[in-house]
Amino acid sequence: MSTTLRILIGAFAGALVGYLMYRYIGCRTGACPLTANPYTSILIYALFGALILGGK
């Protein structure tokens, strides 16, 4: 499997996890920077997923 494909799969999986974290675990007060905003949560987790699966 090519590195680019692994990075894209990791980013997609991370974005999905980020959305699910926001949706089901999220922070109602807004004090949690990773789960209070859906866009931030999706972006950060997509980056984590891409880094984890993209690294060798």
PDB file of N, CA and C in Angstrom:
ATOM      1  N   MET A   1       0.850  -1.169   0.000  1.00  0.00           N
ATOM      2  CA  MET A   1       0.000   0.000   0.000  1.00  0.00           C
ATOM      3  C   MET A   1       0.900   1.238   0.000  1.00  0.00           C
ATOM      4  N   SER A   2       0.564   2.214  -0.820  1.00  0.00           N
ATOM      5  CA  SER A   2       1.402   3.403  -0.923  1.00  0.00           C
ATOM      6  C   SER A   2       1.248   4.291   0.318  1.00  0.00           C
ATOM      7  N   THR A   3       2.247   5.093   0.541  1.00  0.00           N
ATOM      8  CA  THR A   3       2.261   5.977   1.712  1.00  0.00           C
ATOM      9  C   THR A   3       1.128   6.992   1.642  1.00  0.00           C
ATOM     10  N   THR A   4       0.861   7.518   0.459  1.00  0.00           N
ATOM     11  CA  THR A   4      -0.205   8.509   0.310  1.00  0.00           C
ATOM     12  C   THR A   4      -1.565   7.923   0.680  1.00  0.00           C
ATOM     13  N   LEU A   5      -1.804   6.706   0.256  1.00  0.00           N
ATOM     14  CA  LEU A   5      -3.072   6.057   0.580  1.00  0.00           C
ATOM     15  C   LEU A   5      -3.192   5.813   2.074  1.00  0.00           C
ATOM     16  N   ARG A   6      -2.102   5.395   2.713  1.00  0.00           N
ATOM     17  CA  ARG A   6      -2.138   5.192   4.165  1.00  0.00           C
ATOM     18  C   ARG A   6      -2.401   6.499   4.897  1.00  0.00           C
ATOM     19  N   ILE A   7      -1.808   7.597   4.428  1.00  0.00           N
ATOM     20  CA  ILE A   7      -2.036   8.899   5.056  1.00  0.00           C
ATOM     21  C   ILE A   7      -3.504   9.311   4.913  1.00  0.00           C
ATOM     22  N   LEU A   8      -4.068   9.110   3.730  1.00  0.00           N
ATOM     23  CA  LEU A   8      -5.473   9.478   3.509  1.00  0.00           C
ATOM     24  C   LEU A   8      -6.418   8.620   4.348  1.00  0.00           C
ATOM     25  N   ILE A   9      -6.138   7.341   4.438  1.00  0.00           N
ATOM     26  CA  ILE A   9      -6.967   6.459   5.269  1.00  0.00           C
ATOM     27  C   ILE A   9      -6.854   6.867   6.739  1.00  0.00           C
ATOM     28  N   GLY A  10      -5.637   7.174   7.187  1.00  0.00           N
ATOM     29  CA  GLY A  10      -5.441   7.613   8.563  1.00  0.00           C
ATOM     30  C   GLY A  10      -6.154   8.915   8.862  1.00  0.00           C
ATOM     31  N   ALA A  11      -6.098   9.853   7.903  1.00  0.00           N
ATOM     32  CA  ALA A  11      -6.775  11.137   8.093  1.00  0.00           C
ATOM     33  C   ALA A  11      -8.284  10.950   8.155  1.00  0.00           C
ATOM     34  N   PHE A  12      -8.826  10.107   7.289  1.00  0.00           N
ATOM     35  CA  PHE A  12     -10.268   9.858   7.297  1.00  0.00           C
ATOM     36  C   PHE A  12     -10.701   9.176   8.590  1.00  0.00           C
ATOM     37  N   ALA A  13      -9.963   8.162   8.997  1.00  0.00           N
ATOM     38  CA  ALA A  13     -10.297   7.457  10.236  1.00  0.00           C
ATOM     39  C   ALA A  13     -10.182   8.399  11.438  1.00  0.00           C
ATOM     40  N   GLY A  14      -9.145   9.221  11.465  1.00  0.00           N
ATOM     41  CA  GLY A  14      -8.982  10.175  12.551  1.00  0.00           C
ATOM     42  C   GLY A  14     -10.100  11.201  12.584  1.00  0.00           C
ATOM     43  N   ALA A  15     -10.507  11.673  11.404  1.00  0.00           N
ATOM     44  CA  ALA A  15     -11.609  12.636  11.341  1.00  0.00           C
ATOM     45  C   ALA A  15     -12.901  12.014  11.855  1.00  0.00           C
ATOM     46  N   LEU A  16     -13.124  10.764  11.511  1.00  0.00           N
ATOM     47  CA  LEU A  16     -14.314  10.062  12.002  1.00  0.00           C
ATOM     48  C   LEU A  16     -14.274   9.926  13.526  1.00  0.00           C
ATOM     49  N   VAL A  17     -13.136   9.552  14.062  1.00  0.00           N
ATOM     50  CA  VAL A  17     -12.982   9.442  15.516  1.00  0.00           C
ATOM     51  C   VAL A  17     -13.176  10.812  16.171  1.00  0.00           C
ATOM     52  N   GLY A  18     -12.622  11.851  15.557  1.00  0.00           N
ATOM     53  CA  GLY A  18     -12.782  13.199  16.095  1.00  0.00           C
ATOM     54  C   GLY A  18     -14.236  13.636  16.154  1.00  0.00           C
ATOM     55  N   TYR A  19     -14.976  13.342  15.084  1.00  0.00           N
ATOM     56  CA  TYR A  19     -16.393  13.692  15.094  1.00  0.00           C
ATOM     57  C   TYR A  19     -17.152  12.903  16.157  1.00  0.00           C
ATOM     58  N   LEU A  20     -16.858  11.614  16.253  1.00  0.00           N
ATOM     59  CA  LEU A  20     -17.541  10.790  17.255  1.00  0.00           C
ATOM     60  C   LEU A  20     -17.192  11.236  18.674  1.00  0.00           C
ATOM     61  N   MET A  21     -15.950  11.657  18.885  1.00  0.00           N
ATOM     62  CA  MET A  21     -15.569  12.185  20.208  1.00  0.00           C
ATOM     63  C   MET A  21     -16.369  13.446  20.517  1.00  0.00           C
ATOM     64  N   TYR A  22     -16.494  14.330  19.527  1.00  0.00           N
ATOM     65  CA  TYR A  22     -17.281  15.554  19.727  1.00  0.00           C
ATOM     66  C   TYR A  22     -18.748  15.219  19.994  1.00  0.00           C
ATOM     67  N   ARG A  23     -19.291  14.313  19.208  1.00  0.00           N
ATOM     68  CA  ARG A  23     -20.722  14.009  19.269  1.00  0.00           C
ATOM     69  C   ARG A  23     -21.128  13.304  20.552  1.00  0.00           C
ATOM     70  N   TYR A  24     -20.347  12.304  20.974  1.00  0.00           N
ATOM     71  CA  TYR A  24     -20.769  11.472  22.097  1.00  0.00           C
ATOM     72  C   TYR A  24     -20.065  11.784  23.409  1.00  0.00           C
ATOM     73  N   ILE A  25     -18.876  12.346  23.367  1.00  0.00           N
ATOM     74  CA  ILE A  25     -18.147  12.626  24.595  1.00  0.00           C
ATOM     75  C   ILE A  25     -18.060  14.125  24.844  1.00  0.00           C
ATOM     76  N   GLY A  26     -18.093  14.914  23.814  1.00  0.00           N
ATOM     77  CA  GLY A  26     -17.960  16.372  23.823  1.00  0.00           C
ATOM     78  C   GLY A  26     -18.068  17.091  25.153  1.00  0.00           C
ATOM     79  N   CYS A  27     -17.736  18.346  25.125  1.00  0.00           N
ATOM     80  CA  CYS A  27     -17.701  19.181  26.322  1.00  0.00           C
ATOM     81  C   CYS A  27     -18.790  20.244  26.208  1.00  0.00           C
ATOM     82  N   ARG A  28     -19.729  20.232  27.103  1.00  0.00           N
ATOM     83  CA  ARG A  28     -20.850  21.172  27.042  1.00  0.00           C
ATOM     84  C   ARG A  28     -20.469  22.586  27.476  1.00  0.00           C
ATOM     85  N   THR A  29     -19.467  22.726  28.330  1.00  0.00           N
ATOM     86  CA  THR A  29     -19.112  24.049  28.833  1.00  0.00           C
ATOM     87  C   THR A  29     -18.185  24.812  27.898  1.00  0.00           C
ATOM     88  N   GLY A  30     -17.547  24.130  26.969  1.00  0.00           N
ATOM     89  CA  GLY A  30     -16.612  24.783  26.062  1.00  0.00           C
ATOM     90  C   GLY A  30     -15.209  24.879  26.615  1.00  0.00           C
ATOM     91  N   ALA A  31     -14.968  24.281  27.772  1.00  0.00           N
ATOM     92  CA  ALA A  31     -13.655  24.356  28.411  1.00  0.00           C
ATOM     93  C   ALA A  31     -12.666  23.343  27.850  1.00  0.00           C
ATOM     94  N   CYS A  32     -13.140  22.350  27.132  1.00  0.00           N
ATOM     95  CA  CYS A  32     -12.273  21.309  26.575  1.00  0.00           C
ATOM     96  C   CYS A  32     -11.922  21.684  25.135  1.00  0.00           C
ATOM     97  N   PRO A  33     -10.704  22.076  24.855  1.00  0.00           N
ATOM     98  CA  PRO A  33     -10.383  22.569  23.514  1.00  0.00           C
ATOM     99  C   PRO A  33     -10.481  21.515  22.407  1.00  0.00           C
ATOM    100  N   LEU A  34     -10.289  20.241  22.716  1.00  0.00           N
ATOM    101  CA  LEU A  34     -10.328  19.227  21.669  1.00  0.00           C
ATOM    102  C   LEU A  34     -11.734  18.752  21.330  1.00  0.00           C
ATOM    103  N   THR A  35     -12.638  18.811  22.257  1.00  0.00           N
ATOM    104  CA  THR A  35     -13.967  18.264  21.999  1.00  0.00           C
ATOM    105  C   THR A  35     -15.084  19.302  22.059  1.00  0.00           C
ATOM    106  N   ALA A  36     -14.788  20.550  22.308  1.00  0.00           N
ATOM    107  CA  ALA A  36     -15.829  21.565  22.407  1.00  0.00           C
ATOM    108  C   ALA A  36     -16.310  22.029  21.029  1.00  0.00           C
ATOM    109  N   ASN A  37     -15.432  22.054  20.045  1.00  0.00           N
ATOM    110  CA  ASN A  37     -15.752  22.537  18.710  1.00  0.00           C
ATOM    111  C   ASN A  37     -15.603  21.372  17.718  1.00  0.00           C
ATOM    112  N   PRO A  38     -16.620  21.084  16.899  1.00  0.00           N
ATOM    113  CA  PRO A  38     -16.506  19.934  15.996  1.00  0.00           C
ATOM    114  C   PRO A  38     -15.408  20.094  14.949  1.00  0.00           C
ATOM    115  N   TYR A  39     -15.196  21.301  14.461  1.00  0.00           N
ATOM    116  CA  TYR A  39     -14.178  21.510  13.425  1.00  0.00           C
ATOM    117  C   TYR A  39     -12.774  21.296  13.979  1.00  0.00           C
ATOM    118  N   THR A  40     -12.529  21.780  15.170  1.00  0.00           N
ATOM    119  CA  THR A  40     -11.230  21.579  15.800  1.00  0.00           C
ATOM    120  C   THR A  40     -11.003  20.110  16.104  1.00  0.00           C
ATOM    121  N   SER A  41     -12.010  19.457  16.609  1.00  0.00           N
ATOM    122  CA  SER A  41     -11.904  18.042  16.948  1.00  0.00           C
ATOM    123  C   SER A  41     -11.607  17.210  15.702  1.00  0.00           C
ATOM    124  N   ILE A  42     -12.330  17.449  14.627  1.00  0.00           N
ATOM    125  CA  ILE A  42     -12.123  16.704  13.385  1.00  0.00           C
ATOM    126  C   ILE A  42     -10.727  16.969  12.826  1.00  0.00           C
ATOM    127  N   LEU A  43     -10.307  18.218  12.819  1.00  0.00           N
ATOM    128  CA  LEU A  43      -9.001  18.575  12.264  1.00  0.00           C
ATOM    129  C   LEU A  43      -7.849  17.961  13.057  1.00  0.00           C
ATOM    130  N   ILE A  44      -7.895  18.073  14.360  1.00  0.00           N
ATOM    131  CA  ILE A  44      -6.812  17.556  15.195  1.00  0.00           C
ATOM    132  C   ILE A  44      -6.734  16.033  15.105  1.00  0.00           C
ATOM    133  N   TYR A  45      -7.866  15.357  15.188  1.00  0.00           N
ATOM    134  CA  TYR A  45      -7.849  13.902  15.125  1.00  0.00           C
ATOM    135  C   TYR A  45      -7.482  13.396  13.727  1.00  0.00           C
ATOM    136  N   ALA A  46      -7.862  14.124  12.682  1.00  0.00           N
ATOM    137  CA  ALA A  46      -7.444  13.747  11.323  1.00  0.00           C
ATOM    138  C   ALA A  46      -5.929  13.864  11.193  1.00  0.00           C
ATOM    139  N   LEU A  47      -5.363  14.899  11.766  1.00  0.00           N
ATOM    140  CA  LEU A  47      -3.908  15.063  11.748  1.00  0.00           C
ATOM    141  C   LEU A  47      -3.220  13.932  12.511  1.00  0.00           C
ATOM    142  N   PHE A  48      -3.744  13.592  13.675  1.00  0.00           N
ATOM    143  CA  PHE A  48      -3.180  12.473  14.447  1.00  0.00           C
ATOM    144  C   PHE A  48      -3.250  11.165  13.664  1.00  0.00           C
ATOM    145  N   GLY A  49      -4.391  10.903  13.040  1.00  0.00           N
ATOM    146  CA  GLY A  49      -4.546   9.681  12.267  1.00  0.00           C
ATOM    147  C   GLY A  49      -3.595   9.622  11.091  1.00  0.00           C
ATOM    148  N   ALA A  50      -3.420  10.746  10.391  1.00  0.00           N
ATOM    149  CA  ALA A  50      -2.497  10.787   9.256  1.00  0.00           C
ATOM    150  C   ALA A  50      -1.061  10.563   9.715  1.00  0.00           C
ATOM    151  N   LEU A  51      -0.701  11.137  10.842  1.00  0.00           N
ATOM    152  CA  LEU A  51       0.657  10.964  11.345  1.00  0.00           C
ATOM    153  C   LEU A  51       0.909   9.532  11.804  1.00  0.00           C
ATOM    154  N   ILE A  52      -0.084   8.935  12.428  1.00  0.00           N
ATOM    155  CA  ILE A  52       0.097   7.566  12.940  1.00  0.00           C
ATOM    156  C   ILE A  52       0.200   6.562  11.792  1.00  0.00           C
ATOM    157  N   LEU A  53      -0.711   6.640  10.828  1.00  0.00           N
ATOM    158  CA  LEU A  53      -0.672   5.660   9.749  1.00  0.00           C
ATOM    159  C   LEU A  53       0.343   6.020   8.661  1.00  0.00           C
ATOM    160  N   GLY A  54       0.703   7.285   8.560  1.00  0.00           N
ATOM    161  CA  GLY A  54       1.654   7.703   7.521  1.00  0.00           C
ATOM    162  C   GLY A  54       3.105   7.424   7.881  1.00  0.00           C
ATOM    163  N   GLY A  55       3.407   7.314   9.159  1.00  0.00           N
ATOM    164  CA  GLY A  55       4.771   7.036   9.591  1.00  0.00           C
ATOM    165  C   GLY A  55       5.136   5.591   9.360  1.00  0.00           C
ATOM    166  N   LYS A  56       6.393   5.357   9.187  1.00  0.00           N
ATOM    167  CA  LYS A  56       6.829   3.970   8.949  1.00  0.00           C
ATOM    168  C   LYS A  56       7.390   3.347  10.179  1.00  0.00           C
TER     169      LYS A  56
END
